[in-house]
């Protein structure tokens, strides 16, 4: 990890602090670490769900592509299986 590309948890932490202070004022986040923790946890869960959804969509697309290729191949081979 580099300063330009910090770990996700660090990005979530900075975003949570910025959001809390924008909403409630300076130093509110420092006085309410439980709120910061809840927002970081929420952001982390949201990111994990999004990652899982994206992986699912990619796998589904690959499965559809493979299914189409298999069907095309079977149709081409049909005469060899059944004559014709």
C-alpha atoms as a PDB file:
ATOM      1  CA  UNK A   1       0.000   0.000   0.000  1.00  0.00           C
ATOM      2  CA  UNK A   2       1.183   3.493  -0.772  1.00  0.00           C
ATOM      3  CA  UNK A   3       0.027   6.859   0.567  1.00  0.00           C
ATOM      4  CA  UNK A   4      -1.660   7.413  -2.800  1.00  0.00           C
ATOM      5  CA  UNK A   5      -3.474   4.074  -2.487  1.00  0.00           C
ATOM      6  CA  UNK A   6      -4.181   3.433   1.206  1.00  0.00           C
ATOM      7  CA  UNK A   7      -5.942   0.286   2.444  1.00  0.00           C
ATOM      8  CA  UNK A   8      -9.720   0.299   2.165  1.00  0.00           C
ATOM      9  CA  UNK A   9     -10.135   0.520   5.954  1.00  0.00           C
ATOM     10  CA  UNK A  10      -8.080   3.724   6.037  1.00  0.00           C
ATOM     11  CA  UNK A  11     -10.167   5.214   3.229  1.00  0.00           C
ATOM     12  CA  UNK A  12     -13.378   4.233   5.032  1.00  0.00           C
ATOM     13  CA  UNK A  13     -12.051   5.744   8.270  1.00  0.00           C
ATOM     14  CA  UNK A  14     -11.190   9.078   6.633  1.00  0.00           C
ATOM     15  CA  UNK A  15     -14.532   9.164   4.820  1.00  0.00           C
ATOM     16  CA  UNK A  16     -16.436   8.386   8.032  1.00  0.00           C
ATOM     17  CA  UNK A  17     -14.652  11.121   9.975  1.00  0.00           C
ATOM     18  CA  UNK A  18     -15.226  13.638   7.178  1.00  0.00           C
ATOM     19  CA  UNK A  19     -18.931  12.745   6.921  1.00  0.00           C
ATOM     20  CA  UNK A  20     -19.475  12.942  10.679  1.00  0.00           C
ATOM     21  CA  UNK A  21     -17.690  16.277  10.999  1.00  0.00           C
ATOM     22  CA  UNK A  22     -19.542  17.679   7.978  1.00  0.00           C
ATOM     23  CA  UNK A  23     -22.822  16.704   9.593  1.00  0.00           C
ATOM     24  CA  UNK A  24     -22.134  17.441  13.266  1.00  0.00           C
ATOM     25  CA  UNK A  25     -19.148  19.778  13.337  1.00  0.00           C
ATOM     26  CA  UNK A  26     -15.433  19.620  14.004  1.00  0.00           C
ATOM     27  CA  UNK A  27     -14.173  17.187  16.635  1.00  0.00           C
ATOM     28  CA  UNK A  28     -17.527  15.387  16.878  1.00  0.00           C
ATOM     29  CA  UNK A  29     -15.954  12.236  15.409  1.00  0.00           C
ATOM     30  CA  UNK A  30     -13.135  12.318  17.968  1.00  0.00           C
ATOM     31  CA  UNK A  31     -15.680  12.549  20.792  1.00  0.00           C
ATOM     32  CA  UNK A  32     -17.838   9.733  19.370  1.00  0.00           C
ATOM     33  CA  UNK A  33     -15.569   6.886  18.257  1.00  0.00           C
ATOM     34  CA  UNK A  34     -18.502   4.464  18.365  1.00  0.00           C
ATOM     35  CA  UNK A  35     -20.156   6.433  15.562  1.00  0.00           C
ATOM     36  CA  UNK A  36     -16.938   6.375  13.542  1.00  0.00           C
ATOM     37  CA  UNK A  37     -16.638   2.627  14.082  1.00  0.00           C
ATOM     38  CA  UNK A  38     -20.237   2.046  13.004  1.00  0.00           C
ATOM     39  CA  UNK A  39     -19.756   4.032   9.797  1.00  0.00           C
ATOM     40  CA  UNK A  40     -16.480   2.265   8.992  1.00  0.00           C
ATOM     41  CA  UNK A  41     -18.143  -1.100   9.576  1.00  0.00           C
ATOM     42  CA  UNK A  42     -21.086  -0.109   7.404  1.00  0.00           C
ATOM     43  CA  UNK A  43     -18.812   1.068   4.583  1.00  0.00           C
ATOM     44  CA  UNK A  44     -16.785  -2.133   4.803  1.00  0.00           C
ATOM     45  CA  UNK A  45     -19.893  -4.303   4.615  1.00  0.00           C
ATOM     46  CA  UNK A  46     -21.226  -2.273   1.697  1.00  0.00           C
ATOM     47  CA  UNK A  47     -17.914  -2.665  -0.159  1.00  0.00           C
ATOM     48  CA  UNK A  48     -17.889  -6.428   0.475  1.00  0.00           C
ATOM     49  CA  UNK A  49     -21.442  -6.808  -0.797  1.00  0.00           C
ATOM     50  CA  UNK A  50     -20.609  -4.759  -3.873  1.00  0.00           C
ATOM     51  CA  UNK A  51     -17.520  -6.869  -4.551  1.00  0.00           C
ATOM     52  CA  UNK A  52     -19.551 -10.067  -4.202  1.00  0.00           C
ATOM     53  CA  UNK A  53     -22.239  -8.719  -6.508  1.00  0.00           C
ATOM     54  CA  UNK A  54     -19.670  -7.757  -9.137  1.00  0.00           C
ATOM     55  CA  UNK A  55     -18.023 -11.189  -8.930  1.00  0.00           C
ATOM     56  CA  UNK A  56     -21.423 -12.842  -9.278  1.00  0.00           C
ATOM     57  CA  UNK A  57     -22.272 -10.751 -12.327  1.00  0.00           C
ATOM     58  CA  UNK A  58     -18.940 -11.617 -13.939  1.00  0.00           C
ATOM     59  CA  UNK A  59     -19.391 -15.337 -13.235  1.00  0.00           C
ATOM     60  CA  UNK A  60     -22.940 -15.237 -14.561  1.00  0.00           C
ATOM     61  CA  UNK A  61     -21.766 -13.583 -17.766  1.00  0.00           C
ATOM     62  CA  UNK A  62     -19.071 -16.211 -18.238  1.00  0.00           C
ATOM     63  CA  UNK A  63     -21.556 -19.016 -17.566  1.00  0.00           C
ATOM     64  CA  UNK A  64     -23.975 -17.600 -20.150  1.00  0.00           C
ATOM     65  CA  UNK A  65     -21.200 -17.305 -22.700  1.00  0.00           C
ATOM     66  CA  UNK A  66     -20.024 -20.859 -22.093  1.00  0.00           C
ATOM     67  CA  UNK A  67     -23.584 -22.167 -22.267  1.00  0.00           C
ATOM     68  CA  UNK A  68     -24.104 -20.465 -25.612  1.00  0.00           C
ATOM     69  CA  UNK A  69     -20.845 -21.918 -26.945  1.00  0.00           C
ATOM     70  CA  UNK A  70     -21.767 -25.425 -25.753  1.00  0.00           C
ATOM     71  CA  UNK A  71     -25.197 -25.188 -27.362  1.00  0.00           C
ATOM     72  CA  UNK A  72     -23.704 -24.003 -30.658  1.00  0.00           C
ATOM     73  CA  UNK A  73     -21.195 -26.860 -30.598  1.00  0.00           C
ATOM     74  CA  UNK A  74     -23.895 -29.426 -29.865  1.00  0.00           C
ATOM     75  CA  UNK A  75     -26.018 -28.134 -32.731  1.00  0.00           C
ATOM     76  CA  UNK A  76     -23.046 -28.415 -35.095  1.00  0.00           C
ATOM     77  CA  UNK A  77     -22.351 -31.952 -33.889  1.00  0.00           C
ATOM     78  CA  UNK A  78     -26.008 -33.059 -33.989  1.00  0.00           C
ATOM     79  CA  UNK A  79     -25.776 -34.512 -37.509  1.00  0.00           C
ATOM     80  CA  UNK A  80     -22.768 -36.600 -36.484  1.00  0.00           C
ATOM     81  CA  UNK A  81     -24.644 -37.936 -33.451  1.00  0.00           C
ATOM     82  CA  UNK A  82     -27.954 -38.632 -35.161  1.00  0.00           C
ATOM     83  CA  UNK A  83     -27.018 -38.774 -38.846  1.00  0.00           C
ATOM     84  CA  UNK A  84     -28.321 -36.450 -41.367  1.00  0.00           C
END
